[in-house]
C-alpha atoms as a PDB file:
ATOM      1  CA  MET A   1      -9.744   0.819  47.697  1.00  0.00           C
ATOM      2  CA  ASP A   2     -11.842  -0.260  44.777  1.00  0.00           C
ATOM      3  CA  TRP A   3     -12.693  -3.929  45.305  1.00  0.00           C
ATOM      4  CA  LYS A   4     -15.178  -4.211  42.464  1.00  0.00           C
ATOM      5  CA  PHE A   5     -12.988  -6.512  40.409  1.00  0.00           C
ATOM      6  CA  TRP A   6     -15.992  -8.015  38.636  1.00  0.00           C
ATOM      7  CA  ARG A   7     -16.665  -4.746  36.842  1.00  0.00           C
ATOM      8  CA  LYS A   8     -14.778  -4.074  33.673  1.00  0.00           C
ATOM      9  CA  ASN A   9     -12.849  -0.872  33.290  1.00  0.00           C
ATOM     10  CA  GLU A  10     -14.081   1.554  30.672  1.00  0.00           C
ATOM     11  CA  THR A  11     -12.444   1.086  27.288  1.00  0.00           C
ATOM     12  CA  ALA A  12     -10.309   3.889  26.014  1.00  0.00           C
ATOM     13  CA  ALA A  13     -12.220   6.255  23.790  1.00  0.00           C
ATOM     14  CA  ALA A  14     -11.100   6.972  20.274  1.00  0.00           C
ATOM     15  CA  PRO A  15     -10.257  10.583  19.382  1.00  0.00           C
ATOM     16  CA  ASN A  16     -13.588  10.984  17.590  1.00  0.00           C
ATOM     17  CA  GLY A  17     -15.499   9.908  20.705  1.00  0.00           C
ATOM     18  CA  GLY A  18     -16.173   6.295  19.654  1.00  0.00           C
ATOM     19  CA  LYS A  19     -14.767   3.151  21.185  1.00  0.00           C
ATOM     20  CA  THR A  20     -11.464   1.778  19.971  1.00  0.00           C
ATOM     21  CA  GLN A  21     -11.629  -1.524  18.150  1.00  0.00           C
ATOM     22  CA  ARG A  22      -9.259  -4.312  19.077  1.00  0.00           C
ATOM     23  CA  LEU A  23      -7.396  -5.687  16.080  1.00  0.00           C
ATOM     24  CA  GLU A  24      -7.237  -9.406  15.394  1.00  0.00           C
ATOM     25  CA  ARG A  25      -4.227 -11.605  16.052  1.00  0.00           C
ATOM     26  CA  PRO A  26      -2.416 -13.299  13.144  1.00  0.00           C
ATOM     27  CA  LYS A  27      -4.445 -16.041  11.498  1.00  0.00           C
ATOM     28  CA  ASP A  28      -4.314 -18.394   8.534  1.00  0.00           C
ATOM     29  CA  LEU A  29      -5.176 -16.891   5.162  1.00  0.00           C
ATOM     30  CA  PRO A  30      -8.873 -16.533   4.335  1.00  0.00           C
ATOM     31  CA  ASN A  31      -9.940 -19.017   1.656  1.00  0.00           C
ATOM     32  CA  ASP A  32     -10.606 -16.319  -0.949  1.00  0.00           C
ATOM     33  CA  VAL A  33      -7.153 -14.791  -0.465  1.00  0.00           C
ATOM     34  CA  GLY A  34      -5.390 -18.162  -0.589  1.00  0.00           C
ATOM     35  CA  TYR A  35      -7.355 -19.096  -3.712  1.00  0.00           C
ATOM     36  CA  HIS A  36      -6.317 -15.821  -5.354  1.00  0.00           C
ATOM     37  CA  LEU A  37      -2.637 -16.443  -4.633  1.00  0.00           C
ATOM     38  CA  VAL A  38      -2.674 -20.082  -5.742  1.00  0.00           C
ATOM     39  CA  VAL A  39      -4.928 -19.904  -8.804  1.00  0.00           C
ATOM     40  CA  LYS A  40      -4.590 -16.390 -10.166  1.00  0.00           C
ATOM     41  CA  GLU A  41      -1.004 -15.620  -9.103  1.00  0.00           C
ATOM     42  CA  GLN A  42       0.057 -19.249  -9.696  1.00  0.00           C
ATOM     43  CA  LEU A  43       2.142 -19.534  -6.536  1.00  0.00           C
ATOM     44  CA  ASP A  44       3.128 -22.787  -4.827  1.00  0.00           C
ATOM     45  CA  PRO A  45       0.136 -23.945  -2.710  1.00  0.00           C
ATOM     46  CA  ASP A  46       2.346 -25.503  -0.027  1.00  0.00           C
ATOM     47  CA  TRP A  47       4.100 -22.187   0.505  1.00  0.00           C
ATOM     48  CA  VAL A  48       0.940 -20.061   0.280  1.00  0.00           C
ATOM     49  CA  TRP A  49      -1.032 -21.997   2.896  1.00  0.00           C
ATOM     50  CA  ARG A  50       1.837 -21.692   5.414  1.00  0.00           C
ATOM     51  CA  LEU A  51       1.590 -17.893   5.304  1.00  0.00           C
ATOM     52  CA  LYS A  52      -0.218 -15.907   7.983  1.00  0.00           C
ATOM     53  CA  CYS A  53      -2.172 -12.674   7.772  1.00  0.00           C
ATOM     54  CA  VAL A  54      -3.269  -9.804   9.939  1.00  0.00           C
ATOM     55  CA  LYS A  55      -6.267  -7.733   8.990  1.00  0.00           C
ATOM     56  CA  LYS A  56      -8.313  -4.768  10.056  1.00  0.00           C
ATOM     57  CA  PRO A  57     -11.747  -3.603   8.918  1.00  0.00           C
ATOM     58  CA  ARG A  58     -11.821  -1.022   6.143  1.00  0.00           C
ATOM     59  CA  GLU A  59     -13.498   2.270   6.871  1.00  0.00           C
ATOM     60  CA  ASN A  60     -17.151   2.540   5.831  1.00  0.00           C
ATOM     61  CA  SER A  61     -17.504  -1.181   5.123  1.00  0.00           C
ATOM     62  CA  LYS A  62     -18.565  -4.144   7.213  1.00  0.00           C
ATOM     63  CA  SER A  63     -17.348  -6.867   4.862  1.00  0.00           C
ATOM     64  CA  ALA A  64     -14.068  -5.433   3.515  1.00  0.00           C
ATOM     65  CA  PHE A  65     -10.725  -5.755   5.280  1.00  0.00           C
ATOM     66  CA  ASP A  66      -7.224  -4.369   4.806  1.00  0.00           C
ATOM     67  CA  ILE A  67      -4.810  -7.294   4.921  1.00  0.00           C
ATOM     68  CA  ARG A  68      -1.078  -7.858   5.294  1.00  0.00           C
ATOM     69  CA  ILE A  69       0.398 -11.266   4.531  1.00  0.00           C
ATOM     70  CA  PHE A  70       3.664 -12.428   6.048  1.00  0.00           C
ATOM     71  CA  SER A  71       5.630 -15.563   6.874  1.00  0.00           C
ATOM     72  CA  SER A  72       5.578 -16.395  10.564  1.00  0.00           C
ATOM     73  CA  GLU A  73       8.812 -18.355  10.086  1.00  0.00           C
ATOM     74  CA  THR A  74      10.628 -15.306   8.728  1.00  0.00           C
ATOM     75  CA  ALA A  75       9.237 -13.107  11.495  1.00  0.00           C
ATOM     76  CA  SER A  76      10.473 -15.482  14.187  1.00  0.00           C
ATOM     77  CA  GLN A  77      13.908 -15.654  12.520  1.00  0.00           C
ATOM     78  CA  HIS A  78      14.107 -11.858  12.742  1.00  0.00           C
ATOM     79  CA  GLY A  79      12.938 -11.969  16.368  1.00  0.00           C
ATOM     80  CA  VAL A  80       9.770 -10.017  15.641  1.00  0.00           C
ATOM     81  CA  GLN A  81       6.533 -10.918  17.374  1.00  0.00           C
ATOM     82  CA  ILE A  82       3.483 -10.032  15.280  1.00  0.00           C
ATOM     83  CA  ARG A  83       0.489  -9.254  17.489  1.00  0.00           C
ATOM     84  CA  ASP A  84      -1.855  -7.408  15.136  1.00  0.00           C
ATOM     85  CA  TYR A  85      -2.074  -5.335  11.949  1.00  0.00           C
ATOM     86  CA  THR A  86      -0.072  -2.428  13.379  1.00  0.00           C
ATOM     87  CA  SER A  87       2.821  -4.665  14.483  1.00  0.00           C
ATOM     88  CA  LEU A  88       4.059  -4.694  10.896  1.00  0.00           C
ATOM     89  CA  ASP A  89       4.182  -0.886  10.618  1.00  0.00           C
ATOM     90  CA  ASN A  90       7.840  -0.835  11.700  1.00  0.00           C
ATOM     91  CA  HIS A  91       8.730  -4.075   9.881  1.00  0.00           C
ATOM     92  CA  ALA A  92       7.677  -3.465   6.284  1.00  0.00           C
ATOM     93  CA  ASP A  93      10.420  -5.827   5.122  1.00  0.00           C
ATOM     94  CA  LEU A  94       8.393  -8.768   6.512  1.00  0.00           C
ATOM     95  CA  ILE A  95       5.228  -7.970   4.533  1.00  0.00           C
ATOM     96  CA  ILE A  96       5.023 -10.204   1.455  1.00  0.00           C
ATOM     97  CA  PHE A  97       1.620  -9.011   0.172  1.00  0.00           C
ATOM     98  CA  ALA A  98      -0.546  -6.082   1.227  1.00  0.00           C
ATOM     99  CA  GLY A  99      -3.972  -5.042   0.024  1.00  0.00           C
ATOM    100  CA  TRP A 100      -7.609  -5.639   0.768  1.00  0.00           C
ATOM    101  CA  TYR A 101     -10.378  -8.160   0.276  1.00  0.00           C
ATOM    102  CA  ASP A 102     -14.144  -8.243   0.594  1.00  0.00           C
ATOM    103  CA  LYS A 103     -15.583 -11.416   2.062  1.00  0.00           C
ATOM    104  CA  ASN A 104     -19.083 -10.850   0.633  1.00  0.00           C
ATOM    105  CA  THR A 105     -18.185 -10.016  -2.964  1.00  0.00           C
ATOM    106  CA  ARG A 106     -15.031 -12.203  -2.862  1.00  0.00           C
ATOM    107  CA  ILE A 107     -12.912  -9.460  -4.453  1.00  0.00           C
ATOM    108  CA  VAL A 108      -9.198  -9.650  -3.632  1.00  0.00           C
ATOM    109  CA  GLN A 109      -6.701  -6.883  -4.454  1.00  0.00           C
ATOM    110  CA  LEU A 110      -3.121  -7.615  -3.399  1.00  0.00           C
ATOM    111  CA  GLU A 111       0.195  -5.965  -4.171  1.00  0.00           C
ATOM    112  CA  LYS A 112       3.519  -7.812  -3.990  1.00  0.00           C
ATOM    113  CA  MET A 113       5.718  -6.052  -1.455  1.00  0.00           C
ATOM    114  CA  ILE A 114       8.787  -8.346  -1.547  1.00  0.00           C
ATOM    115  CA  LYS A 115       9.972  -9.198  -5.034  1.00  0.00           C
ATOM    116  CA  LYS A 116      12.562 -11.881  -4.198  1.00  0.00           C
ATOM    117  CA  ALA A 117      10.413 -13.992  -1.846  1.00  0.00           C
ATOM    118  CA  VAL A 118       7.792 -14.798  -4.449  1.00  0.00           C
END
């Protein structure tokens, strides 16, 4: 028996030999993204700031992230639990906006995925 419960198990290795990176849970929109939707897209601020997002780091960049924006209310109505960025892979109908943003340069590029919700 292995009673060394205070030691952490090794993390699973990625196919290229590196460590896998845990993706973040759903959070409120970053300020730059919310600003983009409210000011530049001219969407209702009350609706925009209720939205949630999941993100993952972009390859070869420390400050840029791929982002998916969804409504947590709609997800719960459909009985879908969003845990991270990949949870929306099978539920593309819940993604309202998808794109990327850079937190250092404050560049936001989003594409509308659902036409009727916005």
